[in-house]
Amino acid sequence: MLPDGGELRNHYVIRNLRGGLSKILREPMTRYAFFILIGILLLGLLGPTLAPYDYDEQHRTDDGELNRLSPPSTDHWFGTTERGEDVFSRVLYGARPTVITGFVGGFLIIGIGLSVGITAGYLGGRAEAVIMRLVDFVYGVPLIPTALVLLALLGTGFWSVILIMSLILWRGSARVLRSQVLQIKQRPYIQAAKATGASNTRIILKHILPNIASMAMLFFALGVGIAIVKQAGLAFLGVTDPFTPSWGIMIRNAYNSGFVAEAWWWSVPAGSLIGLTVLSTFLLGRGYESAGTEAEGGM
């Protein structure tokens, strides 16, 4: 009995992800990046539970004064903010919205880009021309000014920021993946599958998706990093929800306080973690893409 479309899709996706992961973990650099990302994901999951203090809890000295801008110590590992809040606790609380932003944004970016790229590349003809004109139009839309306008209309909600970024940033992956599909659909085994009466869905799931999975994984990793960086940039501009704790909000608060240089411990941990997360996702995606290229070259 042949599996249905959902079972077939899950089978090929799991098989390719598992095979790619086993290959990239052989490389030390991508292995380190993988475990760093696992650690950051655990911070996003358990951060508020592990935090020694509440996110906005204010601490005082023995004299009853606010413990403002205290440097790192045994009581406050990352120091305190201008309002006497524990920076270490705020970093742990900020991991969850930052991780959600990156991975939800990455999934939406590659989801839209993959759908558009495969549809345009596989169908060809007039459908491809119309779709690629849409891609060209989206390429002409600047992210930051457009996001500022849309956020002013829709409100500075956490999910609206992710959605707006994703609706613009899918354009690069769509164009590259479409070019990959154009090459793959001319190969003999695709023509043979069509001759045997295989459906378009089966051809895409069995023959096209596995061959572009490595490139799609790279764009997913880039999407995660770009979403985190862009959200931090929008937070710095003050157009995201200030009540949703994230590492980008921490950097903005430190800058707005006027003590970003003197109280370096306020912004450096959040900025370093953003950079580490983005670098790790890129290295992991690049390793997966390289593994996929090597596997294809060895066929």
C-alpha atoms as a PDB file:
ATOM      1  CA  MET A   1       0.000   0.000   0.000  1.00  0.00           C
ATOM      2  CA  LEU A   2       1.456   3.360  -1.003  1.00  0.00           C
ATOM      3  CA  PRO A   3       1.746   6.047   1.697  1.00  0.00           C
ATOM      4  CA  ASP A   4      -0.485   9.081   1.373  1.00  0.00           C
ATOM      5  CA  GLY A   5       0.853  12.572   0.620  1.00  0.00           C
ATOM      6  CA  GLY A   6       1.331  13.576   4.266  1.00  0.00           C
ATOM      7  CA  GLU A   7       3.200  10.370   5.175  1.00  0.00           C
ATOM      8  CA  LEU A   8       5.333  10.649   2.056  1.00  0.00           C
ATOM      9  CA  ARG A   9       6.245  14.247   2.798  1.00  0.00           C
ATOM     10  CA  ASN A  10       7.157  13.480   6.408  1.00  0.00           C
ATOM     11  CA  HIS A  11       9.227  10.467   5.355  1.00  0.00           C
ATOM     12  CA  TYR A  12      11.379  12.422   2.920  1.00  0.00           C
ATOM     13  CA  VAL A  13      11.758  15.464   5.178  1.00  0.00           C
ATOM     14  CA  ILE A  14      12.827  13.382   8.193  1.00  0.00           C
ATOM     15  CA  ARG A  15      15.157  11.224   6.108  1.00  0.00           C
ATOM     16  CA  ASN A  16      16.981  14.202   4.606  1.00  0.00           C
ATOM     17  CA  LEU A  17      17.204  16.158   7.831  1.00  0.00           C
ATOM     18  CA  ARG A  18      18.563  13.132   9.669  1.00  0.00           C
ATOM     19  CA  GLY A  19      21.112  12.400   6.963  1.00  0.00           C
ATOM     20  CA  GLY A  20      22.264  16.009   6.756  1.00  0.00           C
ATOM     21  CA  LEU A  21      22.564  16.342  10.530  1.00  0.00           C
ATOM     22  CA  SER A  22      24.715  13.231  10.833  1.00  0.00           C
ATOM     23  CA  LYS A  23      27.086  14.604   8.187  1.00  0.00           C
ATOM     24  CA  ILE A  24      27.494  18.100   9.575  1.00  0.00           C
ATOM     25  CA  LEU A  25      28.148  16.850  13.112  1.00  0.00           C
ATOM     26  CA  ARG A  26      31.355  15.279  11.840  1.00  0.00           C
ATOM     27  CA  GLU A  27      32.851  18.761  11.387  1.00  0.00           C
ATOM     28  CA  PRO A  28      34.129  20.341  14.624  1.00  0.00           C
ATOM     29  CA  MET A  29      33.005  23.883  13.784  1.00  0.00           C
ATOM     30  CA  THR A  30      29.439  22.971  12.898  1.00  0.00           C
ATOM     31  CA  ARG A  31      29.298  20.573  15.842  1.00  0.00           C
ATOM     32  CA  TYR A  32      30.178  23.412  18.212  1.00  0.00           C
ATOM     33  CA  ALA A  33      27.589  25.639  16.529  1.00  0.00           C
ATOM     34  CA  PHE A  34      24.969  22.912  16.898  1.00  0.00           C
ATOM     35  CA  PHE A  35      25.539  22.518  20.633  1.00  0.00           C
ATOM     36  CA  ILE A  36      25.627  26.299  21.150  1.00  0.00           C
ATOM     37  CA  LEU A  37      22.222  26.531  19.477  1.00  0.00           C
ATOM     38  CA  ILE A  38      20.904  23.703  21.634  1.00  0.00           C
ATOM     39  CA  GLY A  39      22.081  25.651  24.680  1.00  0.00           C
ATOM     40  CA  ILE A  40      20.390  28.835  23.472  1.00  0.00           C
ATOM     41  CA  LEU A  41      17.178  26.901  22.777  1.00  0.00           C
ATOM     42  CA  LEU A  42      17.295  25.554  26.328  1.00  0.00           C
ATOM     43  CA  LEU A  43      17.745  29.121  27.584  1.00  0.00           C
ATOM     44  CA  GLY A  44      14.652  30.101  25.631  1.00  0.00           C
ATOM     45  CA  LEU A  45      12.732  27.203  27.121  1.00  0.00           C
ATOM     46  CA  LEU A  46      13.969  27.358  30.714  1.00  0.00           C
ATOM     47  CA  GLY A  47      15.294  30.914  31.030  1.00  0.00           C
ATOM     48  CA  PRO A  48      12.525  32.380  33.227  1.00  0.00           C
ATOM     49  CA  THR A  49      12.674  29.299  35.459  1.00  0.00           C
ATOM     50  CA  LEU A  50      16.440  29.547  35.894  1.00  0.00           C
ATOM     51  CA  ALA A  51      16.461  33.324  36.524  1.00  0.00           C
ATOM     52  CA  PRO A  52      17.394  34.085  40.151  1.00  0.00           C
ATOM     53  CA  TYR A  53      15.143  37.167  40.218  1.00  0.00           C
ATOM     54  CA  ASP A  54      12.040  38.448  38.470  1.00  0.00           C
ATOM     55  CA  TYR A  55      12.547  40.373  35.245  1.00  0.00           C
ATOM     56  CA  ASP A  56      11.641  43.780  36.702  1.00  0.00           C
ATOM     57  CA  GLU A  57      12.562  43.223  40.356  1.00  0.00           C
ATOM     58  CA  GLN A  58      14.476  46.199  41.774  1.00  0.00           C
ATOM     59  CA  HIS A  59      17.312  45.607  44.210  1.00  0.00           C
ATOM     60  CA  ARG A  60      18.506  47.884  46.976  1.00  0.00           C
ATOM     61  CA  THR A  61      21.689  48.326  48.944  1.00  0.00           C
ATOM     62  CA  ASP A  62      21.968  47.912  52.708  1.00  0.00           C
ATOM     63  CA  ASP A  63      21.253  51.639  53.017  1.00  0.00           C
ATOM     64  CA  GLY A  64      17.925  51.268  51.250  1.00  0.00           C
ATOM     65  CA  GLU A  65      19.080  52.997  48.049  1.00  0.00           C
ATOM     66  CA  LEU A  66      18.510  51.482  44.627  1.00  0.00           C
ATOM     67  CA  ASN A  67      21.457  49.313  43.628  1.00  0.00           C
ATOM     68  CA  ARG A  68      21.914  51.277  40.399  1.00  0.00           C
ATOM     69  CA  LEU A  69      24.510  50.355  37.760  1.00  0.00           C
ATOM     70  CA  SER A  70      26.326  47.944  40.023  1.00  0.00           C
ATOM     71  CA  PRO A  71      29.149  46.096  38.222  1.00  0.00           C
ATOM     72  CA  PRO A  72      29.188  42.281  38.059  1.00  0.00           C
ATOM     73  CA  SER A  73      29.456  40.644  41.457  1.00  0.00           C
ATOM     74  CA  THR A  74      28.616  37.410  43.257  1.00  0.00           C
ATOM     75  CA  ASP A  75      25.118  38.737  44.009  1.00  0.00           C
ATOM     76  CA  HIS A  76      24.506  39.998  40.462  1.00  0.00           C
ATOM     77  CA  TRP A  77      26.638  38.081  37.978  1.00  0.00           C
ATOM     78  CA  PHE A  78      26.028  40.529  35.112  1.00  0.00           C
ATOM     79  CA  GLY A  79      25.571  43.618  37.283  1.00  0.00           C
ATOM     80  CA  THR A  80      22.459  45.757  37.557  1.00  0.00           C
ATOM     81  CA  THR A  81      20.661  48.310  35.406  1.00  0.00           C
ATOM     82  CA  GLU A  82      19.937  51.969  36.099  1.00  0.00           C
ATOM     83  CA  ARG A  83      16.735  50.918  37.868  1.00  0.00           C
ATOM     84  CA  GLY A  84      18.509  48.338  40.022  1.00  0.00           C
ATOM     85  CA  GLU A  85      17.346  45.293  38.018  1.00  0.00           C
ATOM     86  CA  ASP A  86      19.474  42.178  37.714  1.00  0.00           C
ATOM     87  CA  VAL A  87      20.969  41.999  34.203  1.00  0.00           C
ATOM     88  CA  PHE A  88      21.579  38.243  34.366  1.00  0.00           C
ATOM     89  CA  SER A  89      17.899  37.580  35.060  1.00  0.00           C
ATOM     90  CA  ARG A  90      16.881  39.911  32.236  1.00  0.00           C
ATOM     91  CA  VAL A  91      19.176  38.059  29.849  1.00  0.00           C
ATOM     92  CA  LEU A  92      17.553  34.753  30.794  1.00  0.00           C
ATOM     93  CA  TYR A  93      14.062  36.192  30.393  1.00  0.00           C
ATOM     94  CA  GLY A  94      15.043  37.770  27.070  1.00  0.00           C
ATOM     95  CA  ALA A  95      16.195  34.475  25.553  1.00  0.00           C
ATOM     96  CA  ARG A  96      12.664  33.182  24.932  1.00  0.00           C
ATOM     97  CA  PRO A  97      11.263  36.045  22.784  1.00  0.00           C
ATOM     98  CA  THR A  98      14.570  36.288  20.921  1.00  0.00           C
ATOM     99  CA  VAL A  99      14.593  32.565  20.117  1.00  0.00           C
ATOM    100  CA  ILE A 100      10.922  32.662  19.113  1.00  0.00           C
ATOM    101  CA  THR A 101      11.594  35.637  16.843  1.00  0.00           C
ATOM    102  CA  GLY A 102      14.485  33.886  15.140  1.00  0.00           C
ATOM    103  CA  PHE A 103      12.979  30.468  14.578  1.00  0.00           C
ATOM    104  CA  VAL A 104       9.416  31.527  13.771  1.00  0.00           C
ATOM    105  CA  GLY A 105      10.796  34.214  11.459  1.00  0.00           C
ATOM    106  CA  GLY A 106      13.179  31.699   9.870  1.00  0.00           C
ATOM    107  CA  PHE A 107      10.398  29.156   9.290  1.00  0.00           C
ATOM    108  CA  LEU A 108       8.131  31.781   7.733  1.00  0.00           C
ATOM    109  CA  ILE A 109      10.908  33.155   5.529  1.00  0.00           C
ATOM    110  CA  ILE A 110      11.976  29.774   4.167  1.00  0.00           C
ATOM    111  CA  GLY A 111       8.374  28.547   4.045  1.00  0.00           C
ATOM    112  CA  ILE A 112       7.273  31.388   1.780  1.00  0.00           C
ATOM    113  CA  GLY A 113      10.501  31.406  -0.225  1.00  0.00           C
ATOM    114  CA  LEU A 114      10.446  27.641  -0.732  1.00  0.00           C
ATOM    115  CA  SER A 115       6.802  27.627  -1.843  1.00  0.00           C
ATOM    116  CA  VAL A 116       7.296  30.504  -4.259  1.00  0.00           C
ATOM    117  CA  GLY A 117      10.597  29.178  -5.616  1.00  0.00           C
ATOM    118  CA  ILE A 118       9.353  25.641  -6.232  1.00  0.00           C
ATOM    119  CA  THR A 119       6.077  26.816  -7.760  1.00  0.00           C
ATOM    120  CA  ALA A 120       7.775  29.238 -10.146  1.00  0.00           C
ATOM    121  CA  GLY A 121      10.595  26.891 -11.101  1.00  0.00           C
ATOM    122  CA  TYR A 122       8.524  23.753 -11.576  1.00  0.00           C
ATOM    123  CA  LEU A 123       5.505  25.232 -13.351  1.00  0.00           C
ATOM    124  CA  GLY A 124       7.438  27.573 -15.644  1.00  0.00           C
ATOM    125  CA  GLY A 125       5.760  29.503 -18.431  1.00  0.00           C
ATOM    126  CA  ARG A 126       3.301  32.287 -17.683  1.00  0.00           C
ATOM    127  CA  ALA A 127       2.908  31.264 -14.024  1.00  0.00           C
ATOM    128  CA  GLU A 128       6.668  31.623 -13.507  1.00  0.00           C
ATOM    129  CA  ALA A 129       6.708  35.036 -15.194  1.00  0.00           C
ATOM    130  CA  VAL A 130       3.914  36.363 -12.975  1.00  0.00           C
ATOM    131  CA  ILE A 131       5.453  34.966  -9.798  1.00  0.00           C
ATOM    132  CA  MET A 132       8.919  36.331 -10.553  1.00  0.00           C
ATOM    133  CA  ARG A 133       7.501  39.798 -11.243  1.00  0.00           C
ATOM    134  CA  LEU A 134       6.026  39.609  -7.746  1.00  0.00           C
ATOM    135  CA  VAL A 135       9.457  38.672  -6.410  1.00  0.00           C
ATOM    136  CA  ASP A 136      11.005  41.619  -8.250  1.00  0.00           C
ATOM    137  CA  PHE A 137       8.404  43.918  -6.711  1.00  0.00           C
ATOM    138  CA  VAL A 138       9.143  42.644  -3.194  1.00  0.00           C
ATOM    139  CA  TYR A 139      12.865  43.164  -3.863  1.00  0.00           C
ATOM    140  CA  GLY A 140      12.118  46.850  -4.336  1.00  0.00           C
ATOM    141  CA  VAL A 141      10.431  47.129  -0.922  1.00  0.00           C
ATOM    142  CA  PRO A 142      12.874  48.430   1.739  1.00  0.00           C
ATOM    143  CA  LEU A 143      12.518  46.578   5.034  1.00  0.00           C
ATOM    144  CA  ILE A 144      13.043  49.214   7.713  1.00  0.00           C
ATOM    145  CA  PRO A 145      10.915  52.057   6.234  1.00  0.00           C
ATOM    146  CA  THR A 146       8.132  49.630   5.284  1.00  0.00           C
ATOM    147  CA  ALA A 147       8.206  48.016   8.715  1.00  0.00           C
ATOM    148  CA  LEU A 148       8.016  51.430  10.375  1.00  0.00           C
ATOM    149  CA  VAL A 149       4.925  52.360   8.355  1.00  0.00           C
ATOM    150  CA  LEU A 150       3.158  49.015   8.836  1.00  0.00           C
ATOM    151  CA  LEU A 151       3.925  48.911  12.555  1.00  0.00           C
ATOM    152  CA  ALA A 152       2.508  52.405  12.895  1.00  0.00           C
ATOM    153  CA  LEU A 153      -0.714  51.144  11.271  1.00  0.00           C
ATOM    154  CA  LEU A 154      -0.920  47.694  12.865  1.00  0.00           C
ATOM    155  CA  GLY A 155       0.631  48.453  16.238  1.00  0.00           C
ATOM    156  CA  THR A 156       3.966  47.396  17.695  1.00  0.00           C
ATOM    157  CA  GLY A 157       2.966  43.874  18.679  1.00  0.00           C
ATOM    158  CA  PHE A 158       5.457  41.047  19.067  1.00  0.00           C
ATOM    159  CA  TRP A 159       3.895  38.827  16.391  1.00  0.00           C
ATOM    160  CA  SER A 160       3.224  41.677  13.979  1.00  0.00           C
ATOM    161  CA  VAL A 161       6.966  42.454  13.898  1.00  0.00           C
ATOM    162  CA  ILE A 162       7.788  38.837  13.014  1.00  0.00           C
ATOM    163  CA  LEU A 163       5.075  38.695  10.351  1.00  0.00           C
ATOM    164  CA  ILE A 164       6.101  41.958   8.682  1.00  0.00           C
ATOM    165  CA  MET A 165       9.758  40.938   8.540  1.00  0.00           C
ATOM    166  CA  SER A 166       8.889  37.521   7.102  1.00  0.00           C
ATOM    167  CA  LEU A 167       6.620  38.967   4.405  1.00  0.00           C
ATOM    168  CA  ILE A 168       9.580  40.942   3.056  1.00  0.00           C
ATOM    169  CA  LEU A 169      12.674  38.819   3.718  1.00  0.00           C
ATOM    170  CA  TRP A 170      11.602  35.673   1.788  1.00  0.00           C
ATOM    171  CA  ARG A 171      12.544  37.204  -1.568  1.00  0.00           C
ATOM    172  CA  GLY A 172      16.205  36.126  -1.673  1.00  0.00           C
ATOM    173  CA  SER A 173      15.516  32.469  -0.928  1.00  0.00           C
ATOM    174  CA  ALA A 174      12.708  32.326  -3.510  1.00  0.00           C
ATOM    175  CA  ARG A 175      14.934  33.492  -6.353  1.00  0.00           C
ATOM    176  CA  VAL A 176      17.821  31.133  -5.571  1.00  0.00           C
ATOM    177  CA  LEU A 177      15.611  28.101  -4.947  1.00  0.00           C
ATOM    178  CA  ARG A 178      13.698  28.739  -8.171  1.00  0.00           C
ATOM    179  CA  SER A 179      16.990  28.639 -10.122  1.00  0.00           C
ATOM    180  CA  GLN A 180      17.846  25.341  -8.403  1.00  0.00           C
ATOM    181  CA  VAL A 181      14.486  23.851  -9.366  1.00  0.00           C
ATOM    182  CA  LEU A 182      14.918  24.959 -12.978  1.00  0.00           C
ATOM    183  CA  GLN A 183      18.134  22.941 -13.173  1.00  0.00           C
ATOM    184  CA  ILE A 184      16.867  19.879 -11.339  1.00  0.00           C
ATOM    185  CA  LYS A 185      13.639  19.451 -13.324  1.00  0.00           C
ATOM    186  CA  GLN A 186      15.665  18.950 -16.523  1.00  0.00           C
ATOM    187  CA  ARG A 187      17.485  15.906 -15.157  1.00  0.00           C
ATOM    188  CA  PRO A 188      16.750  12.491 -16.674  1.00  0.00           C
ATOM    189  CA  TYR A 189      15.216  10.952 -13.554  1.00  0.00           C
ATOM    190  CA  ILE A 190      12.636  13.782 -13.399  1.00  0.00           C
ATOM    191  CA  GLN A 191      11.707  13.166 -17.017  1.00  0.00           C
ATOM    192  CA  ALA A 192      11.524   9.435 -16.325  1.00  0.00           C
ATOM    193  CA  ALA A 193       9.233  10.018 -13.326  1.00  0.00           C
ATOM    194  CA  LYS A 194       6.930  12.136 -15.482  1.00  0.00           C
ATOM    195  CA  ALA A 195       6.905   9.435 -18.174  1.00  0.00           C
ATOM    196  CA  THR A 196       5.823   6.814 -15.645  1.00  0.00           C
ATOM    197  CA  GLY A 197       2.849   8.969 -14.658  1.00  0.00           C
ATOM    198  CA  ALA A 198       4.111  10.218 -11.288  1.00  0.00           C
ATOM    199  CA  SER A 199       2.107  13.151  -9.974  1.00  0.00           C
ATOM    200  CA  ASN A 200       3.634  16.598  -9.610  1.00  0.00           C
ATOM    201  CA  THR A 201       3.308  16.317  -5.833  1.00  0.00           C
ATOM    202  CA  ARG A 202       5.237  13.041  -5.762  1.00  0.00           C
ATOM    203  CA  ILE A 203       7.957  14.391  -8.053  1.00  0.00           C
ATOM    204  CA  ILE A 204       8.396  17.512  -5.925  1.00  0.00           C
ATOM    205  CA  LEU A 205       8.476  15.583  -2.642  1.00  0.00           C
ATOM    206  CA  LYS A 206      10.644  12.680  -3.800  1.00  0.00           C
ATOM    207  CA  HIS A 207      13.014  14.243  -6.321  1.00  0.00           C
ATOM    208  CA  ILE A 208      13.071  18.024  -6.040  1.00  0.00           C
ATOM    209  CA  LEU A 209      12.834  18.724  -2.307  1.00  0.00           C
ATOM    210  CA  PRO A 210      15.659  16.326  -1.353  1.00  0.00           C
ATOM    211  CA  ASN A 211      17.930  17.988  -3.923  1.00  0.00           C
ATOM    212  CA  ILE A 212      17.298  21.514  -2.681  1.00  0.00           C
ATOM    213  CA  ALA A 213      17.068  20.631   1.035  1.00  0.00           C
ATOM    214  CA  SER A 214      20.659  21.696   1.734  1.00  0.00           C
ATOM    215  CA  MET A 215      20.145  25.098   0.118  1.00  0.00           C
ATOM    216  CA  ALA A 216      16.810  25.510   1.888  1.00  0.00           C
ATOM    217  CA  MET A 217      18.490  24.716   5.212  1.00  0.00           C
ATOM    218  CA  LEU A 218      21.092  27.385   4.545  1.00  0.00           C
ATOM    219  CA  PHE A 219      18.392  29.967   3.854  1.00  0.00           C
ATOM    220  CA  PHE A 220      16.500  28.882   6.951  1.00  0.00           C
ATOM    221  CA  ALA A 221      19.620  29.457   9.034  1.00  0.00           C
ATOM    222  CA  LEU A 222      20.166  32.834   7.384  1.00  0.00           C
ATOM    223  CA  GLY A 223      16.505  33.658   8.016  1.00  0.00           C
ATOM    224  CA  VAL A 224      16.872  32.901  11.732  1.00  0.00           C
ATOM    225  CA  GLY A 225      19.885  35.180  12.003  1.00  0.00           C
ATOM    226  CA  ILE A 226      18.409  37.974   9.907  1.00  0.00           C
ATOM    227  CA  ALA A 227      15.120  37.886  11.842  1.00  0.00           C
ATOM    228  CA  ILE A 228      16.959  38.245  15.159  1.00  0.00           C
ATOM    229  CA  VAL A 229      19.167  41.063  13.888  1.00  0.00           C
ATOM    230  CA  LYS A 230      16.311  42.960  12.228  1.00  0.00           C
ATOM    231  CA  GLN A 231      14.108  42.610  15.306  1.00  0.00           C
ATOM    232  CA  ALA A 232      16.961  43.962  17.420  1.00  0.00           C
ATOM    233  CA  GLY A 233      17.330  46.851  14.971  1.00  0.00           C
ATOM    234  CA  LEU A 234      13.625  47.660  15.115  1.00  0.00           C
ATOM    235  CA  ALA A 235      13.754  47.397  18.907  1.00  0.00           C
ATOM    236  CA  PHE A 236      16.662  49.842  18.939  1.00  0.00           C
ATOM    237  CA  LEU A 237      14.553  52.261  16.900  1.00  0.00           C
ATOM    238  CA  GLY A 238      11.784  51.901  19.482  1.00  0.00           C
ATOM    239  CA  VAL A 239       9.058  50.502  17.212  1.00  0.00           C
ATOM    240  CA  THR A 240       8.664  47.084  18.822  1.00  0.00           C
ATOM    241  CA  ASP A 241       6.719  46.149  21.929  1.00  0.00           C
ATOM    242  CA  PRO A 242       8.802  47.529  24.847  1.00  0.00           C
ATOM    243  CA  PHE A 243       7.026  45.249  27.307  1.00  0.00           C
ATOM    244  CA  THR A 244       8.200  42.042  25.583  1.00  0.00           C
ATOM    245  CA  PRO A 245      11.635  41.339  27.055  1.00  0.00           C
ATOM    246  CA  SER A 246      14.201  40.519  24.388  1.00  0.00           C
ATOM    247  CA  TRP A 247      17.909  41.026  23.950  1.00  0.00           C
ATOM    248  CA  GLY A 248      17.232  43.792  21.434  1.00  0.00           C
ATOM    249  CA  ILE A 249      15.088  45.635  23.974  1.00  0.00           C
ATOM    250  CA  MET A 250      17.898  45.306  26.531  1.00  0.00           C
ATOM    251  CA  ILE A 251      20.355  46.993  24.185  1.00  0.00           C
ATOM    252  CA  ARG A 252      17.872  49.793  23.445  1.00  0.00           C
ATOM    253  CA  ASN A 253      17.220  50.373  27.145  1.00  0.00           C
ATOM    254  CA  ALA A 254      20.938  50.525  27.864  1.00  0.00           C
ATOM    255  CA  TYR A 255      21.463  53.031  25.050  1.00  0.00           C
ATOM    256  CA  ASN A 256      18.511  55.198  26.055  1.00  0.00           C
ATOM    257  CA  SER A 257      19.774  55.347  29.636  1.00  0.00           C
ATOM    258  CA  GLY A 258      22.882  57.225  28.540  1.00  0.00           C
ATOM    259  CA  PHE A 259      25.128  54.770  30.405  1.00  0.00           C
ATOM    260  CA  VAL A 260      25.807  52.301  27.608  1.00  0.00           C
ATOM    261  CA  ALA A 261      29.571  52.998  27.777  1.00  0.00           C
ATOM    262  CA  GLU A 262      29.949  53.279  31.546  1.00  0.00           C
ATOM    263  CA  ALA A 263      27.691  50.282  32.362  1.00  0.00           C
ATOM    264  CA  TRP A 264      29.040  48.011  29.635  1.00  0.00           C
ATOM    265  CA  TRP A 265      27.725  44.941  31.468  1.00  0.00           C
ATOM    266  CA  TRP A 266      24.173  46.058  30.679  1.00  0.00           C
ATOM    267  CA  SER A 267      24.359  45.713  26.887  1.00  0.00           C
ATOM    268  CA  VAL A 268      27.393  43.501  26.208  1.00  0.00           C
ATOM    269  CA  PRO A 269      25.819  40.164  27.323  1.00  0.00           C
ATOM    270  CA  ALA A 270      22.709  40.671  25.170  1.00  0.00           C
ATOM    271  CA  GLY A 271      24.724  41.876  22.176  1.00  0.00           C
ATOM    272  CA  SER A 272      27.202  39.015  22.503  1.00  0.00           C
ATOM    273  CA  LEU A 273      24.417  36.435  22.675  1.00  0.00           C
ATOM    274  CA  ILE A 274      22.730  37.904  19.596  1.00  0.00           C
ATOM    275  CA  GLY A 275      26.018  37.687  17.701  1.00  0.00           C
ATOM    276  CA  LEU A 276      26.707  34.150  18.942  1.00  0.00           C
ATOM    277  CA  THR A 277      23.220  32.973  17.973  1.00  0.00           C
ATOM    278  CA  VAL A 278      23.417  34.465  14.487  1.00  0.00           C
ATOM    279  CA  LEU A 279      26.926  33.076  13.903  1.00  0.00           C
ATOM    280  CA  SER A 280      25.935  29.605  15.112  1.00  0.00           C
ATOM    281  CA  THR A 281      22.849  29.436  12.889  1.00  0.00           C
ATOM    282  CA  PHE A 282      24.889  30.521   9.871  1.00  0.00           C
ATOM    283  CA  LEU A 283      27.662  27.968  10.548  1.00  0.00           C
ATOM    284  CA  LEU A 284      25.114  25.194  11.018  1.00  0.00           C
ATOM    285  CA  GLY A 285      23.239  26.124   7.849  1.00  0.00           C
ATOM    286  CA  ARG A 286      26.469  26.478   5.878  1.00  0.00           C
ATOM    287  CA  GLY A 287      27.627  23.087   7.122  1.00  0.00           C
ATOM    288  CA  TYR A 288      24.350  21.483   6.062  1.00  0.00           C
ATOM    289  CA  GLU A 289      24.554  23.136   2.651  1.00  0.00           C
ATOM    290  CA  SER A 290      28.155  21.955   2.184  1.00  0.00           C
ATOM    291  CA  ALA A 291      27.233  18.414   3.215  1.00  0.00           C
ATOM    292  CA  GLY A 292      24.386  18.406   0.717  1.00  0.00           C
ATOM    293  CA  THR A 293      26.658  19.677  -2.063  1.00  0.00           C
ATOM    294  CA  GLU A 294      29.258  16.979  -1.331  1.00  0.00           C
ATOM    295  CA  ALA A 295      26.582  14.282  -1.317  1.00  0.00           C
ATOM    296  CA  GLU A 296      25.225  15.466  -4.656  1.00  0.00           C
ATOM    297  CA  GLY A 297      28.714  15.636  -6.136  1.00  0.00           C
ATOM    298  CA  GLY A 298      29.348  12.055  -5.081  1.00  0.00           C
ATOM    299  CA  MET A 299      26.248  10.725  -6.818  1.00  0.00           C
END
